[in-house]
Structure formats: structure tokens, C-alpha cells
Amino acid sequence: MIQIIQEISKTMNKKTVAVIGLGAMGSRIALNLLKAGYSVVVHNRTIEKAQPLIEQGATLATSPRAAAEQSDVVISMVTDNEVSRQVWLSAETGAILGLNSDKIAIEMSTLTVDWVRELNPAITQNGASFLDAPVVGSCPQAESGKLISLVGGQVETLTQVQPILNAAGVASIHHIGDVGQGMAMKLAVNALFGIQVAALAELLGMLSKDGISPERAMECLWDLPVMSLAAKGAGSLMVSENHAPLFPIALVEKDFRYATQTAQNLEATIPTVTAVMDIYRNAIAQGHGSENITGIAQLFI
């Protein structure tokens, strides 16, 4: 078994990987792949963002189609459904035009379940393979190689690209099920995190009005089993008033919106998620959209 894995790894190391979308996460994924010795092709709507990667040895593609044509595996890491649709299905420049039966497409962005299930047959009808593989984690986890991937799609396809995902910075991979189920799981994870952060911000605000400082409250909460590691980290950032955008509120709201859309399509009821989404929308309305998720504390403290 070990020998088989080693042979797969050697084979995939010969592959060229395209990374489309060079924001905070995509740029780090591309850099990780370069450091791991992969040939990397990059594309971004703003060419300037590609320059540091080109200096590290990446090849610039002028369009998603060109990126796919030059690569064996194509990774997309973009903001939302609209950008993803343009990346893959644009009539003249879409990456789908550069795919064939020897290639694998991976959508690592956080999108709606409906969209990736619509995208899947569009990609596979010409023989290419497809995975939705959104990641849990932000820039620090991408840099330290500690991302967690939630995957929907064929196990055989995942086995082929696992060495590439690991090289991209993914330490742990959970195969959730069919295409779309990785995305559904990611939306649930982000919603659960967002609910915890909003609840903590509200409660720290309540306690502060009774004279209990956020610092003192967190000292107590830190030792109690009710606090998750994620909430502890968020609380520490609230106390330090450090709201540098690791997970901007605008993207948090987008993920909540996608979760509620998914629930509606599944005829599921998620009133807590819907209510908390309105809190993040309020934060955006008050000018905090570009700040980290923990910036929501400013509404209450």
C-alpha cells in the first residue's frame, strides 16, 4: 500500500497544476505548490497579483482557458458563484474549453451547492473529472500547511489528486460524499463558526455593561468546556481589538447567504443561521465589511 501511494505521489509530481484566483488563499496555495516542486500555471483577473508567483517560477496564463490548456489539474479559488461561473464557463475564455479526459478540475472556493452540482456535468461531459473541495482555514493555516479539505466527488479522483492537495497546504482531507456535499459541509462549518463568533460578541457586550471587561470575561471563559478552540481564538482577537481581515465580514455574510439558499432548496429550516446573517449584514451596513469576522464585536462592546 505504501509503495502504491509513493508511486501515485511520484506520478502526480510530474503534473502541472493551474491555480485560478490569486487572492489571499489562492496565492498561498500556488506558492505552496511551487515550493513542493510542482510546475504551476497561474491566472488572476488582476495580473499584478500574479507577479510575486511568477518571480518564484510560476507561468502566467492570460485566461482560465489558457491555464487549463497548459495544465493537468486545474484549481479554482475565487470569491463567489458569479466569478466561478465566469472562470469555468465563459464562452470564449472559460477553463472548461481547455479540459479533456486526462484532466481534473477542482473547485476549492466556498460556493453554493446548486452551483457546483450544475458545474459538475458541464465539466465531466467531455471526460474530465471534477471535485468540489473547499477548505477550512485561513491564511495562517494555508501558510503552515494545516488546511482541512472537505471533498465531494469520486473517491478515485480524490486519490489521484491527494498528493497535490497535500502539497497545496491541506493537512487533512474528509471525503464527505457526492459532488456538492463537500460544499454543503463547508457552508455548515462556516455558519457554525459565524454563529459562535456573533454569540460571543453579544455576550461580551452584555457583560461589559455590567462592569465585567472582555479581558476578564475571556479569562473565565477560556477555562470552561463551553468554549470551542475557534471561539477562544475569536475571543482573543476581540479582546485585542485586532480585526485584520483573515475572514472578512463581507465573505462571512456571503457564506451565510449561500447556506440559507441551500436550506431553502432542500426545504430545510435554519432560523438561527438566518437570524445571525442579519447581524453580519448590519455590520456591513455600519462599515465593517472589510474587517475580520471578529469586527462584529464593535456592534456590541
Protein backbone atom coordinates (compact mmCIF):
# COMPACT_ATOMS: atom_id res chain seq x y z
CA MET A 1 0.00 0.00 0.00
CA ILE A 2 2.81 2.40 0.92
CA GLN A 3 4.52 1.64 -2.39
CA ILE A 4 1.29 2.41 -4.29
CA ILE A 5 0.94 5.77 -2.53
CA GLN A 6 4.57 6.58 -3.27
CA GLU A 7 4.07 5.74 -6.95
CA ILE A 8 0.95 7.95 -7.11
CA SER A 9 2.89 10.77 -5.49
CA LYS A 10 5.72 10.45 -8.00
CA THR A 11 3.26 10.45 -10.88
CA MET A 12 1.36 13.49 -9.67
CA ASN A 13 4.60 15.37 -9.06
CA LYS A 14 5.07 15.32 -12.81
CA LYS A 15 1.75 17.06 -13.32
CA THR A 16 1.30 20.74 -13.99
CA VAL A 17 -1.22 22.46 -11.73
CA ALA A 18 -3.14 25.61 -12.60
CA VAL A 19 -4.34 27.92 -9.83
CA ILE A 20 -7.02 30.38 -10.91
CA GLY A 21 -7.75 33.17 -8.44
CA LEU A 22 -4.80 34.64 -6.55
CA GLY A 23 -6.42 36.26 -3.56
CA ALA A 24 -5.29 35.64 -0.01
CA MET A 25 -5.86 31.89 -0.24
CA GLY A 26 -5.19 31.17 -3.89
CA SER A 27 -1.82 32.91 -3.86
CA ARG A 28 -0.71 30.90 -0.83
CA ILE A 29 -1.88 27.63 -2.36
CA ALA A 30 0.04 28.40 -5.54
CA LEU A 31 3.16 29.27 -3.56
CA ASN A 32 2.91 26.04 -1.55
CA LEU A 33 2.74 24.06 -4.80
CA LEU A 34 5.78 25.86 -6.18
CA LYS A 35 7.73 25.15 -3.00
CA ALA A 36 6.74 21.48 -3.30
CA GLY A 37 8.30 21.33 -6.76
CA TYR A 38 5.22 21.40 -8.96
CA SER A 39 5.03 23.24 -12.24
CA VAL A 40 2.39 25.88 -11.58
CA VAL A 41 0.37 27.98 -14.02
CA VAL A 42 -1.47 30.95 -12.54
CA HIS A 43 -4.24 33.26 -13.68
CA ASN A 44 -5.89 36.20 -11.99
CA ARG A 45 -8.14 38.97 -13.23
CA THR A 46 -5.63 41.46 -11.77
CA ILE A 47 -2.32 40.49 -13.31
CA GLU A 48 -0.30 42.36 -10.69
CA LYS A 49 -1.27 39.76 -8.07
CA ALA A 50 0.45 37.09 -10.14
CA GLN A 51 3.82 38.86 -10.25
CA PRO A 52 5.25 37.54 -6.94
CA LEU A 53 4.40 33.99 -8.02
CA ILE A 54 5.92 34.50 -11.45
CA GLU A 55 9.10 35.60 -9.70
CA GLN A 56 9.00 32.30 -7.81
CA GLY A 57 8.74 30.31 -11.04
CA ALA A 58 5.06 30.20 -11.91
CA THR A 59 3.87 30.60 -15.51
CA LEU A 60 1.29 33.29 -16.25
CA ALA A 61 -1.81 32.30 -18.24
CA THR A 62 -3.77 35.05 -19.97
CA SER A 63 -7.14 33.39 -19.35
CA PRO A 64 -8.68 30.47 -17.44
CA ARG A 65 -8.88 28.61 -20.72
CA ALA A 66 -5.15 29.08 -21.30
CA ALA A 67 -4.44 27.97 -17.74
CA ALA A 68 -6.42 24.77 -18.27
CA GLU A 69 -4.83 24.09 -21.64
CA GLN A 70 -1.37 24.20 -20.06
CA SER A 71 -2.22 22.07 -17.01
CA ASP A 72 -3.22 18.61 -15.89
CA VAL A 73 -5.07 19.71 -12.76
CA VAL A 74 -6.99 22.99 -12.52
CA ILE A 75 -7.77 24.55 -9.13
CA SER A 76 -10.16 27.48 -8.77
CA MET A 77 -10.12 29.59 -5.61
CA VAL A 78 -12.38 32.59 -6.15
CA THR A 79 -14.84 34.77 -4.27
CA ASP A 80 -18.33 33.65 -5.25
CA ASN A 81 -20.63 31.87 -7.70
CA GLU A 82 -20.51 34.65 -10.26
CA VAL A 83 -16.73 34.65 -10.52
CA SER A 84 -16.62 30.85 -10.55
CA ARG A 85 -19.13 30.73 -13.40
CA GLN A 86 -17.01 33.18 -15.40
CA VAL A 87 -13.83 31.21 -14.67
CA TRP A 88 -15.21 27.88 -15.81
CA LEU A 89 -17.94 28.60 -18.35
CA SER A 90 -17.17 31.88 -20.12
CA ALA A 91 -17.96 31.31 -23.79
CA GLU A 92 -14.52 32.34 -25.03
CA THR A 93 -12.15 32.17 -22.08
CA GLY A 94 -13.68 29.57 -19.72
CA ALA A 95 -11.39 26.92 -18.28
CA ILE A 96 -13.84 24.25 -19.45
CA LEU A 97 -12.61 24.88 -23.00
CA GLY A 98 -9.13 23.70 -22.00
CA LEU A 99 -10.23 20.47 -20.30
CA ASN A 100 -10.24 16.94 -21.66
CA SER A 101 -10.49 13.36 -20.41
CA ASP A 102 -6.96 13.42 -18.97
CA LYS A 103 -7.59 16.42 -16.73
CA ILE A 104 -9.06 17.06 -13.30
CA ALA A 105 -10.90 20.21 -12.21
CA ILE A 106 -11.11 21.17 -8.53
CA GLU A 107 -13.33 23.94 -7.19
CA MET A 108 -11.86 24.98 -3.82
CA SER A 109 -13.91 28.15 -3.40
CA THR A 110 -16.85 28.40 -0.99
CA LEU A 111 -19.90 28.43 -3.25
CA THR A 112 -23.49 27.20 -3.34
CA VAL A 113 -24.32 23.53 -3.55
CA ASP A 114 -26.58 24.14 -6.54
CA TRP A 115 -23.82 25.82 -8.49
CA VAL A 116 -21.22 23.08 -8.09
CA ARG A 117 -23.84 20.50 -8.99
CA GLU A 118 -24.61 22.47 -12.12
CA LEU A 119 -20.92 22.81 -12.89
CA ASN A 120 -20.14 19.12 -12.45
CA PRO A 121 -21.89 17.77 -15.60
CA ALA A 122 -20.66 20.72 -17.65
CA ILE A 123 -17.08 19.70 -16.82
CA THR A 124 -17.48 15.93 -16.95
CA GLN A 125 -19.45 15.71 -20.20
CA ASN A 126 -16.17 15.85 -22.13
CA GLY A 127 -14.48 13.30 -19.91
CA ALA A 128 -12.72 15.49 -17.35
CA SER A 129 -13.11 14.70 -13.65
CA PHE A 130 -14.43 17.12 -11.04
CA LEU A 131 -14.25 17.61 -7.28
CA ASP A 132 -15.64 20.27 -5.01
CA ALA A 133 -13.00 20.62 -2.29
CA PRO A 134 -13.49 23.78 -0.22
CA VAL A 135 -11.03 24.25 2.61
CA VAL A 136 -11.43 25.06 6.28
CA GLY A 137 -8.81 27.52 7.48
CA SER A 138 -7.46 30.92 6.59
CA CYS A 139 -4.13 32.47 5.68
CA PRO A 140 -2.16 31.20 8.72
CA GLN A 141 -3.33 27.64 8.07
CA ALA A 142 -2.53 27.92 4.36
CA GLU A 143 0.97 29.15 5.16
CA SER A 144 1.62 26.45 7.75
CA GLY A 145 0.12 23.63 5.67
CA LYS A 146 -2.74 22.98 8.09
CA LEU A 147 -5.80 23.46 5.91
CA ILE A 148 -8.64 20.93 6.06
CA SER A 149 -10.34 19.93 2.82
CA LEU A 150 -14.00 18.86 2.63
CA VAL A 151 -14.41 16.93 -0.60
CA GLY A 152 -17.35 15.95 -2.74
CA GLY A 153 -16.86 13.68 -5.75
CA GLN A 154 -15.44 10.31 -6.76
CA VAL A 155 -13.01 8.64 -4.37
CA GLU A 156 -10.88 7.56 -7.32
CA THR A 157 -10.45 11.17 -8.41
CA LEU A 158 -9.60 12.26 -4.88
CA THR A 159 -6.97 9.53 -4.65
CA GLN A 160 -5.31 10.85 -7.80
CA VAL A 161 -5.04 14.42 -6.54
CA GLN A 162 -4.43 13.82 -2.84
CA PRO A 163 -0.67 14.45 -3.16
CA ILE A 164 -1.43 17.75 -4.89
CA LEU A 165 -3.91 18.80 -2.20
CA ASN A 166 -1.36 17.95 0.48
CA ALA A 167 1.31 19.97 -1.34
CA ALA A 168 -1.14 22.87 -1.64
CA GLY A 169 -1.29 23.11 2.14
CA VAL A 170 -4.01 20.61 3.06
CA ALA A 171 -3.12 18.55 6.12
CA SER A 172 -6.40 16.70 6.50
CA ILE A 173 -8.93 15.53 3.91
CA HIS A 174 -12.51 14.49 4.62
CA HIS A 175 -14.35 12.82 1.77
CA ILE A 176 -17.93 13.85 2.55
CA GLY A 177 -19.72 12.18 -0.36
CA ASP A 178 -21.01 13.08 -3.81
CA VAL A 179 -20.34 16.34 -5.65
CA GLY A 180 -21.92 19.19 -3.72
CA GLN A 181 -21.75 17.51 -0.34
CA GLY A 182 -18.27 18.87 0.34
CA MET A 183 -19.68 22.34 -0.31
CA ALA A 184 -22.71 21.72 1.89
CA MET A 185 -20.41 20.68 4.72
CA LYS A 186 -18.24 23.79 4.26
CA LEU A 187 -21.26 26.09 4.43
CA ALA A 188 -22.36 24.36 7.63
CA VAL A 189 -18.88 24.73 9.14
CA ASN A 190 -18.69 28.44 8.32
CA ALA A 191 -22.20 29.06 9.62
CA LEU A 192 -21.43 27.28 12.88
CA PHE A 193 -18.28 29.34 13.31
CA GLY A 194 -20.09 32.56 12.48
CA ILE A 195 -22.85 31.81 14.98
CA GLN A 196 -20.29 31.23 17.74
CA VAL A 197 -18.49 34.49 16.98
CA ALA A 198 -21.71 36.51 16.92
CA ALA A 199 -22.97 34.96 20.17
CA LEU A 200 -19.65 35.60 21.89
CA ALA A 201 -19.60 39.22 20.74
CA GLU A 202 -23.14 39.78 22.05
CA LEU A 203 -22.37 38.21 25.43
CA LEU A 204 -19.09 40.07 25.90
CA GLY A 205 -21.04 43.24 25.18
CA MET A 206 -23.67 42.33 27.78
CA LEU A 207 -21.02 41.54 30.40
CA SER A 208 -19.14 44.76 29.72
CA LYS A 209 -22.30 46.74 30.56
CA ASP A 210 -22.22 45.08 33.97
CA GLY A 211 -18.62 46.12 34.50
CA ILE A 212 -17.01 42.82 33.51
CA SER A 213 -14.33 43.64 30.96
CA PRO A 214 -13.92 41.49 27.85
CA GLU A 215 -10.46 40.57 29.12
CA ARG A 216 -11.83 39.30 32.44
CA ALA A 217 -14.72 37.52 30.76
CA MET A 218 -12.38 35.70 28.37
CA GLU A 219 -10.07 34.70 31.22
CA CYS A 220 -13.01 32.90 32.77
CA LEU A 221 -14.48 31.50 29.55
CA TRP A 222 -11.08 30.21 28.44
CA ASP A 223 -11.15 27.60 31.22
CA LEU A 224 -14.71 26.41 30.60
CA PRO A 225 -15.79 23.50 28.38
CA VAL A 226 -18.47 25.63 26.68
CA MET A 227 -15.76 27.37 24.60
CA SER A 228 -14.54 25.81 21.35
CA LEU A 229 -10.99 26.42 20.18
CA ALA A 230 -12.39 28.55 17.34
CA ALA A 231 -14.37 30.72 19.78
CA LYS A 232 -11.32 31.07 22.02
CA GLY A 233 -9.29 32.36 19.10
CA ALA A 234 -12.03 34.76 18.07
CA GLY A 235 -12.41 35.99 21.64
CA SER A 236 -8.71 36.72 21.89
CA LEU A 237 -8.89 38.84 18.76
CA MET A 238 -11.92 40.70 20.12
CA VAL A 239 -10.09 41.46 23.36
CA SER A 240 -7.05 42.77 21.49
CA GLU A 241 -9.32 44.63 19.05
CA ASN A 242 -7.36 43.06 16.22
CA HIS A 243 -9.73 42.88 13.26
CA ALA A 244 -7.23 42.45 10.42
CA PRO A 245 -9.18 40.60 7.70
CA LEU A 246 -8.41 36.90 7.94
CA PHE A 247 -12.09 36.13 7.19
CA PRO A 248 -13.75 39.41 6.17
CA ILE A 249 -17.28 40.05 7.33
CA ALA A 250 -18.40 40.57 3.73
CA LEU A 251 -17.39 36.99 2.95
CA VAL A 252 -19.00 35.72 6.16
CA GLU A 253 -22.30 37.26 5.05
CA LYS A 254 -21.88 35.69 1.61
CA ASP A 255 -21.40 32.24 3.14
CA PHE A 256 -24.43 32.68 5.40
CA ARG A 257 -26.45 33.74 2.37
CA TYR A 258 -25.32 30.67 0.45
CA ALA A 259 -26.19 28.47 3.44
CA THR A 260 -29.71 29.90 3.63
CA GLN A 261 -30.15 29.42 -0.13
CA THR A 262 -29.07 25.81 0.22
CA ALA A 263 -31.51 25.27 3.08
CA GLN A 264 -34.37 26.75 1.06
CA ASN A 265 -33.60 24.45 -1.87
CA LEU A 266 -33.52 21.45 0.47
CA GLU A 267 -36.70 22.63 2.24
CA ALA A 268 -34.73 22.70 5.50
CA THR A 269 -35.35 25.22 8.29
CA ILE A 270 -32.37 27.10 9.74
CA PRO A 271 -33.79 30.08 11.67
CA THR A 272 -30.66 30.61 13.78
CA VAL A 273 -28.45 30.90 10.71
CA THR A 274 -30.91 33.31 9.12
CA ALA A 275 -31.07 35.49 12.23
CA VAL A 276 -27.29 35.64 12.61
CA MET A 277 -26.90 36.53 8.94
CA ASP A 278 -28.81 39.73 9.65
CA ILE A 279 -26.25 40.65 12.32
CA TYR A 280 -23.42 40.38 9.81
CA ARG A 281 -25.44 42.38 7.30
CA ASN A 282 -25.85 45.07 9.96
CA ALA A 283 -22.08 45.07 10.49
CA ILE A 284 -21.56 45.61 6.76
CA ALA A 285 -24.10 48.45 6.76
CA GLN A 286 -22.09 50.09 9.55
CA GLY A 287 -18.88 49.95 7.52
CA HIS A 288 -17.24 46.82 8.91
CA GLY A 289 -17.48 44.62 5.81
CA SER A 290 -13.75 44.60 5.09
CA GLU A 291 -12.80 43.75 8.68
CA ASN A 292 -12.25 40.31 10.14
CA ILE A 293 -15.26 38.37 11.38
CA THR A 294 -14.32 39.42 14.92
CA GLY A 295 -15.02 43.04 13.97
CA ILE A 296 -18.66 42.24 14.70
CA ALA A 297 -17.78 42.83 18.35
CA GLN A 298 -17.82 46.54 17.64
CA LEU A 299 -21.60 46.36 17.37
CA PHE A 300 -21.87 45.28 21.00
CA ILE A 301 -18.79 46.21 23.04
